[in-house]
Amino acid sequence: MISIGTIGLIKGIGTFKPDKKVRLATYASRCIENEILMHFRAQRKTQGEVSLSDAIDGDGDGNSLSLMDTISVDDDMLEELDARDACIQVRECVKKCLDAREAAIITLRYGLNDRKPLTQREVAAKCGISRSYVSRIEKKALKKLETAMGTQR
């Protein structure tokens, strides 16, 4: 607060005009008061703003910590988010591009929709078809998905 008042005093001395017939003390006190009020207004405007570089605390060695120091981005977390996005894209493509039987076989085979992946033999038993037919449908469906998603293996 004293430093803000000192800034007001310096500004007051710099802009004081003796020919206006006002005492320096009167003029400077108004400048100091105005500087303090302007500081309070500026504080009120930025009161809710937080910067990542603002010091928030100190560590055990006396060094100050900023918000940026406490935020960490884990590579595993990024990979998990990428995998989740890819799963969502695959599910959407399965719904759009495949017929009901192909979608069911791919969903069962690869465990989409948070299910346990099944073997071709298990899928065949569940659908009442042969394992080789599951294999052919799976291969055809994967080719459709690959084309639709624009990826190459």
N, C-alpha and C. Protein backbone atom coordinates (compact mmCIF):
# COMPACT_ATOMS: atom_id res chain seq x y z
N MET A 1 0.82 -1.18 0.00
CA MET A 1 0.00 0.00 0.00
C MET A 1 0.88 1.25 0.00
N ILE A 2 1.96 1.19 0.75
CA ILE A 2 2.87 2.33 0.81
C ILE A 2 3.50 2.58 -0.56
N SER A 3 3.85 1.50 -1.26
CA SER A 3 4.46 1.68 -2.58
C SER A 3 3.47 2.29 -3.56
N ILE A 4 2.19 1.96 -3.45
CA ILE A 4 1.17 2.56 -4.32
C ILE A 4 1.06 4.05 -4.02
N GLY A 5 1.07 4.39 -2.73
CA GLY A 5 1.03 5.80 -2.33
C GLY A 5 2.25 6.55 -2.81
N THR A 6 3.41 5.91 -2.76
CA THR A 6 4.64 6.55 -3.23
C THR A 6 4.57 6.83 -4.73
N ILE A 7 4.00 5.89 -5.48
CA ILE A 7 3.82 6.11 -6.92
C ILE A 7 2.92 7.31 -7.15
N GLY A 8 1.84 7.42 -6.36
CA GLY A 8 0.95 8.58 -6.46
C GLY A 8 1.67 9.87 -6.16
N LEU A 9 2.53 9.87 -5.14
CA LEU A 9 3.30 11.06 -4.79
C LEU A 9 4.24 11.45 -5.92
N ILE A 10 4.92 10.48 -6.51
CA ILE A 10 5.85 10.76 -7.61
C ILE A 10 5.09 11.34 -8.80
N LYS A 11 3.93 10.76 -9.12
CA LYS A 11 3.12 11.29 -10.22
C LYS A 11 2.65 12.71 -9.91
N GLY A 12 2.26 12.93 -8.65
CA GLY A 12 1.80 14.26 -8.24
C GLY A 12 2.89 15.31 -8.38
N ILE A 13 4.09 14.97 -7.96
CA ILE A 13 5.21 15.91 -8.07
C ILE A 13 5.52 16.17 -9.54
N GLY A 14 5.42 15.12 -10.36
CA GLY A 14 5.73 15.27 -11.79
C GLY A 14 4.71 16.13 -12.53
N THR A 15 3.47 16.14 -12.08
CA THR A 15 2.44 16.90 -12.80
C THR A 15 2.05 18.20 -12.08
N PHE A 16 2.68 18.50 -10.95
CA PHE A 16 2.35 19.71 -10.18
C PHE A 16 2.74 20.96 -10.96
N LYS A 17 1.80 21.96 -10.95
CA LYS A 17 2.06 23.25 -11.60
C LYS A 17 1.86 24.34 -10.54
N PRO A 18 2.97 24.98 -10.12
CA PRO A 18 2.87 25.98 -9.05
C PRO A 18 2.02 27.21 -9.45
N ASP A 19 1.90 27.48 -10.73
CA ASP A 19 1.16 28.67 -11.16
C ASP A 19 -0.36 28.50 -10.98
N LYS A 20 -0.84 27.32 -10.61
CA LYS A 20 -2.27 27.07 -10.39
C LYS A 20 -2.72 27.53 -9.00
N LYS A 21 -1.79 28.00 -8.18
CA LYS A 21 -2.07 28.53 -6.84
C LYS A 21 -2.69 27.48 -5.91
N VAL A 22 -2.17 26.25 -6.01
CA VAL A 22 -2.57 25.17 -5.12
C VAL A 22 -1.30 24.69 -4.42
N ARG A 23 -1.41 24.41 -3.12
CA ARG A 23 -0.23 23.95 -2.39
C ARG A 23 0.15 22.54 -2.84
N LEU A 24 1.46 22.25 -2.85
CA LEU A 24 1.95 20.94 -3.27
C LEU A 24 1.37 19.84 -2.39
N ALA A 25 1.26 20.04 -1.10
CA ALA A 25 0.75 19.02 -0.18
C ALA A 25 -0.70 18.66 -0.52
N THR A 26 -1.51 19.67 -0.83
CA THR A 26 -2.91 19.43 -1.18
C THR A 26 -3.00 18.64 -2.48
N TYR A 27 -2.23 19.09 -3.48
CA TYR A 27 -2.25 18.44 -4.79
C TYR A 27 -1.73 17.00 -4.70
N ALA A 28 -0.63 16.81 -3.98
CA ALA A 28 -0.01 15.49 -3.86
C ALA A 28 -0.93 14.52 -3.11
N SER A 29 -1.63 15.02 -2.08
CA SER A 29 -2.53 14.13 -1.33
C SER A 29 -3.66 13.61 -2.22
N ARG A 30 -4.16 14.48 -3.12
CA ARG A 30 -5.19 14.03 -4.07
C ARG A 30 -4.62 12.99 -5.04
N CYS A 31 -3.40 13.19 -5.50
CA CYS A 31 -2.77 12.23 -6.42
C CYS A 31 -2.55 10.88 -5.74
N ILE A 32 -2.12 10.92 -4.49
CA ILE A 32 -1.90 9.68 -3.73
C ILE A 32 -3.22 8.94 -3.56
N GLU A 33 -4.26 9.68 -3.17
CA GLU A 33 -5.58 9.07 -2.98
C GLU A 33 -6.09 8.46 -4.28
N ASN A 34 -5.95 9.18 -5.38
CA ASN A 34 -6.41 8.67 -6.69
C ASN A 34 -5.64 7.42 -7.10
N GLU A 35 -4.34 7.40 -6.85
CA GLU A 35 -3.53 6.23 -7.22
C GLU A 35 -3.96 5.00 -6.42
N ILE A 36 -4.25 5.19 -5.14
CA ILE A 36 -4.70 4.08 -4.30
C ILE A 36 -6.07 3.58 -4.77
N LEU A 37 -6.99 4.49 -5.09
CA LEU A 37 -8.31 4.10 -5.58
C LEU A 37 -8.21 3.35 -6.92
N MET A 38 -7.33 3.85 -7.80
CA MET A 38 -7.14 3.16 -9.09
C MET A 38 -6.59 1.75 -8.88
N HIS A 39 -5.71 1.61 -7.90
CA HIS A 39 -5.15 0.29 -7.59
C HIS A 39 -6.25 -0.66 -7.10
N PHE A 40 -7.13 -0.17 -6.22
CA PHE A 40 -8.25 -1.00 -5.74
C PHE A 40 -9.17 -1.41 -6.88
N ARG A 41 -9.46 -0.49 -7.80
CA ARG A 41 -10.32 -0.82 -8.94
C ARG A 41 -9.67 -1.89 -9.81
N ALA A 42 -8.38 -1.75 -10.05
CA ALA A 42 -7.67 -2.74 -10.87
C ALA A 42 -7.66 -4.10 -10.17
N GLN A 43 -7.50 -4.11 -8.86
CA GLN A 43 -7.51 -5.36 -8.10
C GLN A 43 -8.87 -6.04 -8.20
N ARG A 44 -9.93 -5.24 -8.13
CA ARG A 44 -11.28 -5.80 -8.21
C ARG A 44 -11.53 -6.43 -9.58
N LYS A 45 -11.01 -5.82 -10.64
CA LYS A 45 -11.19 -6.37 -11.99
C LYS A 45 -10.47 -7.70 -12.17
N THR A 46 -9.30 -7.81 -11.62
CA THR A 46 -8.48 -9.02 -11.81
C THR A 46 -8.62 -10.00 -10.65
N GLN A 47 -9.55 -9.76 -9.76
CA GLN A 47 -9.68 -10.60 -8.57
C GLN A 47 -9.95 -12.06 -8.91
N GLY A 48 -10.77 -12.33 -9.92
CA GLY A 48 -11.11 -13.71 -10.27
C GLY A 48 -10.12 -14.37 -11.21
N GLU A 49 -9.21 -13.61 -11.78
CA GLU A 49 -8.26 -14.17 -12.74
C GLU A 49 -7.10 -14.83 -12.02
N VAL A 50 -6.73 -16.00 -12.49
CA VAL A 50 -5.61 -16.74 -11.92
C VAL A 50 -4.65 -17.08 -13.04
N SER A 51 -3.39 -16.87 -12.81
CA SER A 51 -2.37 -17.18 -13.81
C SER A 51 -1.66 -18.46 -13.42
N LEU A 52 -1.24 -19.24 -14.42
CA LEU A 52 -0.50 -20.47 -14.13
C LEU A 52 0.86 -20.18 -13.51
N SER A 53 1.36 -18.95 -13.71
CA SER A 53 2.67 -18.62 -13.16
C SER A 53 2.58 -17.98 -11.77
N ASP A 54 1.39 -17.75 -11.25
CA ASP A 54 1.23 -17.19 -9.91
C ASP A 54 1.79 -18.16 -8.86
N ALA A 55 2.50 -17.60 -7.88
CA ALA A 55 3.03 -18.43 -6.80
C ALA A 55 1.87 -18.84 -5.89
N ILE A 56 1.81 -20.12 -5.54
CA ILE A 56 0.72 -20.59 -4.68
C ILE A 56 1.21 -21.08 -3.33
N ASP A 57 2.44 -21.56 -3.28
CA ASP A 57 2.93 -22.15 -2.04
C ASP A 57 4.44 -22.32 -2.17
N GLY A 58 5.05 -22.75 -1.12
CA GLY A 58 6.47 -23.04 -1.15
C GLY A 58 6.72 -24.51 -0.90
N ASP A 59 7.80 -25.04 -1.49
CA ASP A 59 8.13 -26.43 -1.21
C ASP A 59 8.97 -26.49 0.06
N GLY A 60 9.42 -27.64 0.43
CA GLY A 60 10.17 -27.81 1.68
C GLY A 60 11.48 -27.04 1.73
N ASP A 61 12.06 -26.73 0.56
CA ASP A 61 13.34 -26.02 0.51
C ASP A 61 13.18 -24.52 0.50
N GLY A 62 11.95 -24.02 0.56
CA GLY A 62 11.73 -22.57 0.54
C GLY A 62 11.52 -22.01 -0.85
N ASN A 63 11.54 -22.85 -1.87
CA ASN A 63 11.29 -22.39 -3.23
C ASN A 63 9.79 -22.23 -3.43
N SER A 64 9.40 -21.20 -4.20
CA SER A 64 7.97 -21.00 -4.43
C SER A 64 7.49 -21.93 -5.53
N LEU A 65 6.25 -22.39 -5.40
CA LEU A 65 5.63 -23.26 -6.39
C LEU A 65 4.53 -22.50 -7.10
N SER A 66 4.43 -22.71 -8.41
CA SER A 66 3.35 -22.10 -9.17
C SER A 66 2.34 -23.18 -9.54
N LEU A 67 1.19 -22.75 -10.06
CA LEU A 67 0.19 -23.72 -10.50
C LEU A 67 0.76 -24.64 -11.58
N MET A 68 1.59 -24.07 -12.46
CA MET A 68 2.19 -24.85 -13.54
C MET A 68 3.04 -26.00 -12.99
N ASP A 69 3.70 -25.76 -11.86
CA ASP A 69 4.53 -26.80 -11.26
C ASP A 69 3.69 -27.96 -10.72
N THR A 70 2.47 -27.67 -10.31
CA THR A 70 1.64 -28.72 -9.72
C THR A 70 0.81 -29.48 -10.74
N ILE A 71 0.68 -28.93 -11.94
CA ILE A 71 -0.09 -29.60 -12.99
C ILE A 71 0.85 -30.52 -13.76
N SER A 72 0.45 -31.76 -13.90
CA SER A 72 1.26 -32.68 -14.68
C SER A 72 0.39 -33.37 -15.71
N VAL A 73 0.96 -33.63 -16.85
CA VAL A 73 0.26 -34.37 -17.89
C VAL A 73 0.98 -35.70 -18.04
N ASP A 74 0.28 -36.74 -17.74
CA ASP A 74 0.84 -38.08 -17.78
C ASP A 74 0.71 -38.62 -19.20
N ASP A 75 1.81 -39.17 -19.74
CA ASP A 75 1.77 -39.74 -21.09
C ASP A 75 0.76 -40.87 -21.18
N ASP A 76 0.65 -41.66 -20.11
CA ASP A 76 -0.33 -42.75 -20.10
C ASP A 76 -1.75 -42.22 -20.23
N MET A 77 -2.00 -41.07 -19.58
CA MET A 77 -3.32 -40.47 -19.65
C MET A 77 -3.63 -40.03 -21.08
N LEU A 78 -2.64 -39.45 -21.76
CA LEU A 78 -2.84 -39.02 -23.14
C LEU A 78 -3.09 -40.22 -24.05
N GLU A 79 -2.33 -41.28 -23.84
CA GLU A 79 -2.53 -42.49 -24.65
C GLU A 79 -3.90 -43.09 -24.40
N GLU A 80 -4.35 -43.06 -23.15
CA GLU A 80 -5.67 -43.59 -22.82
C GLU A 80 -6.77 -42.77 -23.49
N LEU A 81 -6.60 -41.44 -23.50
CA LEU A 81 -7.59 -40.59 -24.17
C LEU A 81 -7.61 -40.84 -25.67
N ASP A 82 -6.43 -41.01 -26.27
CA ASP A 82 -6.37 -41.32 -27.70
C ASP A 82 -7.04 -42.65 -28.00
N ALA A 83 -6.79 -43.64 -27.16
CA ALA A 83 -7.40 -44.96 -27.36
C ALA A 83 -8.91 -44.89 -27.20
N ARG A 84 -9.37 -44.11 -26.24
CA ARG A 84 -10.82 -43.95 -26.03
C ARG A 84 -11.47 -43.28 -27.25
N ASP A 85 -10.81 -42.25 -27.79
CA ASP A 85 -11.33 -41.58 -28.99
C ASP A 85 -11.37 -42.54 -30.17
N ALA A 86 -10.33 -43.35 -30.31
CA ALA A 86 -10.29 -44.32 -31.41
C ALA A 86 -11.42 -45.34 -31.26
N CYS A 87 -11.68 -45.79 -30.03
CA CYS A 87 -12.78 -46.74 -29.79
C CYS A 87 -14.12 -46.14 -30.16
N ILE A 88 -14.32 -44.89 -29.83
CA ILE A 88 -15.58 -44.22 -30.16
C ILE A 88 -15.74 -44.14 -31.67
N GLN A 89 -14.66 -43.81 -32.38
CA GLN A 89 -14.72 -43.74 -33.85
C GLN A 89 -15.03 -45.11 -34.44
N VAL A 90 -14.41 -46.14 -33.91
CA VAL A 90 -14.65 -47.50 -34.43
C VAL A 90 -16.10 -47.90 -34.19
N ARG A 91 -16.62 -47.63 -32.98
CA ARG A 91 -18.02 -47.98 -32.69
C ARG A 91 -18.98 -47.28 -33.64
N GLU A 92 -18.73 -45.99 -33.89
CA GLU A 92 -19.59 -45.24 -34.81
C GLU A 92 -19.52 -45.82 -36.22
N CYS A 93 -18.32 -46.17 -36.64
CA CYS A 93 -18.14 -46.74 -37.98
C CYS A 93 -18.81 -48.11 -38.08
N VAL A 94 -18.75 -48.90 -37.02
CA VAL A 94 -19.40 -50.21 -37.01
C VAL A 94 -20.91 -50.03 -37.20
N LYS A 95 -21.49 -49.04 -36.52
CA LYS A 95 -22.93 -48.79 -36.64
C LYS A 95 -23.31 -48.35 -38.05
N LYS A 96 -22.48 -47.48 -38.65
CA LYS A 96 -22.82 -46.89 -39.95
C LYS A 96 -22.52 -47.82 -41.12
N CYS A 97 -21.40 -48.52 -41.07
CA CYS A 97 -20.88 -49.20 -42.26
C CYS A 97 -21.23 -50.68 -42.36
N LEU A 98 -21.56 -51.31 -41.26
CA LEU A 98 -21.75 -52.75 -41.28
C LEU A 98 -23.23 -53.11 -41.13
N ASP A 99 -23.59 -54.26 -41.71
CA ASP A 99 -24.96 -54.73 -41.50
C ASP A 99 -25.05 -55.34 -40.09
N ALA A 100 -26.23 -55.73 -39.69
CA ALA A 100 -26.47 -56.18 -38.31
C ALA A 100 -25.61 -57.38 -37.93
N ARG A 101 -25.49 -58.38 -38.81
CA ARG A 101 -24.72 -59.58 -38.49
C ARG A 101 -23.23 -59.24 -38.37
N GLU A 102 -22.70 -58.46 -39.31
CA GLU A 102 -21.29 -58.07 -39.25
C GLU A 102 -21.01 -57.27 -37.98
N ALA A 103 -21.89 -56.32 -37.67
CA ALA A 103 -21.71 -55.50 -36.47
C ALA A 103 -21.72 -56.37 -35.21
N ALA A 104 -22.63 -57.33 -35.16
CA ALA A 104 -22.71 -58.21 -33.98
C ALA A 104 -21.44 -59.03 -33.83
N ILE A 105 -20.94 -59.57 -34.93
CA ILE A 105 -19.73 -60.40 -34.87
C ILE A 105 -18.51 -59.58 -34.48
N ILE A 106 -18.36 -58.39 -35.06
CA ILE A 106 -17.21 -57.53 -34.70
C ILE A 106 -17.32 -57.09 -33.24
N THR A 107 -18.52 -56.75 -32.80
CA THR A 107 -18.72 -56.34 -31.41
C THR A 107 -18.37 -57.47 -30.44
N LEU A 108 -18.82 -58.67 -30.73
CA LEU A 108 -18.50 -59.81 -29.86
C LEU A 108 -17.02 -60.17 -29.94
N ARG A 109 -16.49 -60.20 -31.14
CA ARG A 109 -15.12 -60.65 -31.36
C ARG A 109 -14.09 -59.73 -30.70
N TYR A 110 -14.31 -58.42 -30.78
CA TYR A 110 -13.33 -57.46 -30.28
C TYR A 110 -13.74 -56.80 -28.95
N GLY A 111 -14.86 -57.21 -28.40
CA GLY A 111 -15.25 -56.71 -27.08
C GLY A 111 -15.64 -55.25 -27.08
N LEU A 112 -16.28 -54.78 -28.15
CA LEU A 112 -16.74 -53.40 -28.17
C LEU A 112 -17.87 -53.22 -27.17
N ASN A 113 -18.17 -51.98 -26.83
CA ASN A 113 -19.22 -51.66 -25.85
C ASN A 113 -18.92 -52.26 -24.48
N ASP A 114 -17.65 -52.22 -24.11
CA ASP A 114 -17.20 -52.67 -22.78
C ASP A 114 -17.52 -54.13 -22.49
N ARG A 115 -17.45 -54.95 -23.51
CA ARG A 115 -17.65 -56.39 -23.33
C ARG A 115 -16.31 -57.10 -23.40
N LYS A 116 -16.31 -58.35 -22.98
CA LYS A 116 -15.10 -59.16 -23.05
C LYS A 116 -14.95 -59.69 -24.48
N PRO A 117 -13.77 -59.56 -25.08
CA PRO A 117 -13.57 -60.11 -26.43
C PRO A 117 -13.71 -61.64 -26.42
N LEU A 118 -14.36 -62.16 -27.43
CA LEU A 118 -14.56 -63.60 -27.53
C LEU A 118 -13.73 -64.17 -28.67
N THR A 119 -13.43 -65.46 -28.59
CA THR A 119 -12.73 -66.14 -29.68
C THR A 119 -13.72 -66.39 -30.81
N GLN A 120 -13.18 -66.73 -31.98
CA GLN A 120 -14.06 -67.05 -33.12
C GLN A 120 -14.96 -68.23 -32.78
N ARG A 121 -14.42 -69.18 -32.08
CA ARG A 121 -15.20 -70.36 -31.69
C ARG A 121 -16.37 -69.96 -30.78
N GLU A 122 -16.13 -69.08 -29.81
CA GLU A 122 -17.19 -68.62 -28.90
C GLU A 122 -18.25 -67.80 -29.64
N VAL A 123 -17.80 -66.95 -30.57
CA VAL A 123 -18.73 -66.16 -31.37
C VAL A 123 -19.59 -67.09 -32.23
N ALA A 124 -18.96 -68.10 -32.82
CA ALA A 124 -19.69 -69.06 -33.65
C ALA A 124 -20.77 -69.77 -32.84
N ALA A 125 -20.43 -70.20 -31.64
CA ALA A 125 -21.40 -70.89 -30.79
C ALA A 125 -22.55 -69.96 -30.41
N LYS A 126 -22.23 -68.71 -30.13
CA LYS A 126 -23.25 -67.75 -29.72
C LYS A 126 -24.19 -67.40 -30.88
N CYS A 127 -23.65 -67.33 -32.10
CA CYS A 127 -24.46 -66.95 -33.27
C CYS A 127 -25.08 -68.16 -33.98
N GLY A 128 -24.65 -69.35 -33.60
CA GLY A 128 -25.19 -70.55 -34.23
C GLY A 128 -24.68 -70.77 -35.64
N ILE A 129 -23.43 -70.37 -35.91
CA ILE A 129 -22.82 -70.57 -37.23
C ILE A 129 -21.45 -71.20 -37.04
N SER A 130 -20.81 -71.58 -38.14
CA SER A 130 -19.50 -72.23 -38.02
C SER A 130 -18.40 -71.20 -37.77
N ARG A 131 -17.29 -71.69 -37.22
CA ARG A 131 -16.15 -70.83 -36.94
C ARG A 131 -15.58 -70.25 -38.23
N SER A 132 -15.54 -71.03 -39.29
CA SER A 132 -14.99 -70.53 -40.56
C SER A 132 -15.88 -69.43 -41.14
N TYR A 133 -17.20 -69.54 -40.92
CA TYR A 133 -18.10 -68.50 -41.41
C TYR A 133 -17.90 -67.21 -40.61
N VAL A 134 -17.67 -67.34 -39.29
CA VAL A 134 -17.35 -66.17 -38.46
C VAL A 134 -16.08 -65.51 -38.98
N SER A 135 -15.08 -66.32 -39.32
CA SER A 135 -13.82 -65.80 -39.84
C SER A 135 -14.03 -65.02 -41.13
N ARG A 136 -14.85 -65.56 -42.04
CA ARG A 136 -15.11 -64.87 -43.32
C ARG A 136 -15.86 -63.56 -43.10
N ILE A 137 -16.88 -63.60 -42.24
CA ILE A 137 -17.66 -62.38 -41.96
C ILE A 137 -16.76 -61.33 -41.29
N GLU A 138 -15.94 -61.79 -40.36
CA GLU A 138 -15.03 -60.88 -39.66
C GLU A 138 -14.07 -60.22 -40.64
N LYS A 139 -13.48 -61.01 -41.52
CA LYS A 139 -12.52 -60.50 -42.50
C LYS A 139 -13.19 -59.47 -43.42
N LYS A 140 -14.39 -59.78 -43.89
CA LYS A 140 -15.14 -58.88 -44.77
C LYS A 140 -15.49 -57.58 -44.03
N ALA A 141 -15.92 -57.70 -42.79
CA ALA A 141 -16.30 -56.53 -41.99
C ALA A 141 -15.09 -55.65 -41.70
N LEU A 142 -13.96 -56.27 -41.39
CA LEU A 142 -12.74 -55.50 -41.12
C LEU A 142 -12.29 -54.74 -42.36
N LYS A 143 -12.43 -55.35 -43.52
CA LYS A 143 -12.07 -54.69 -44.77
C LYS A 143 -12.97 -53.47 -44.99
N LYS A 144 -14.28 -53.64 -44.71
CA LYS A 144 -15.22 -52.52 -44.83
C LYS A 144 -14.84 -51.38 -43.88
N LEU A 145 -14.52 -51.75 -42.64
CA LEU A 145 -14.14 -50.74 -41.64
C LEU A 145 -12.86 -50.01 -42.04
N GLU A 146 -11.91 -50.78 -42.54
CA GLU A 146 -10.64 -50.20 -42.96
C GLU A 146 -10.85 -49.20 -44.08
N THR A 147 -11.68 -49.56 -45.04
CA THR A 147 -11.98 -48.66 -46.15
C THR A 147 -12.72 -47.42 -45.65
N ALA A 148 -13.71 -47.63 -44.79
CA ALA A 148 -14.51 -46.52 -44.29
C ALA A 148 -13.70 -45.55 -43.43
N MET A 149 -12.78 -46.06 -42.67
CA MET A 149 -11.99 -45.20 -41.79
C MET A 149 -10.77 -44.64 -42.49
N GLY A 150 -10.49 -45.12 -43.69
CA GLY A 150 -9.37 -44.58 -44.46
C GLY A 150 -8.01 -44.95 -43.92
N THR A 151 -7.91 -46.11 -43.27
CA THR A 151 -6.62 -46.53 -42.73
C THR A 151 -6.08 -47.70 -43.53
N GLN A 152 -4.79 -47.84 -43.54
CA GLN A 152 -4.11 -48.95 -44.20
C GLN A 152 -3.36 -49.74 -43.14
N ARG A 153 -3.38 -51.05 -43.26
CA ARG A 153 -2.61 -51.86 -42.31
C ARG A 153 -1.23 -52.08 -42.81
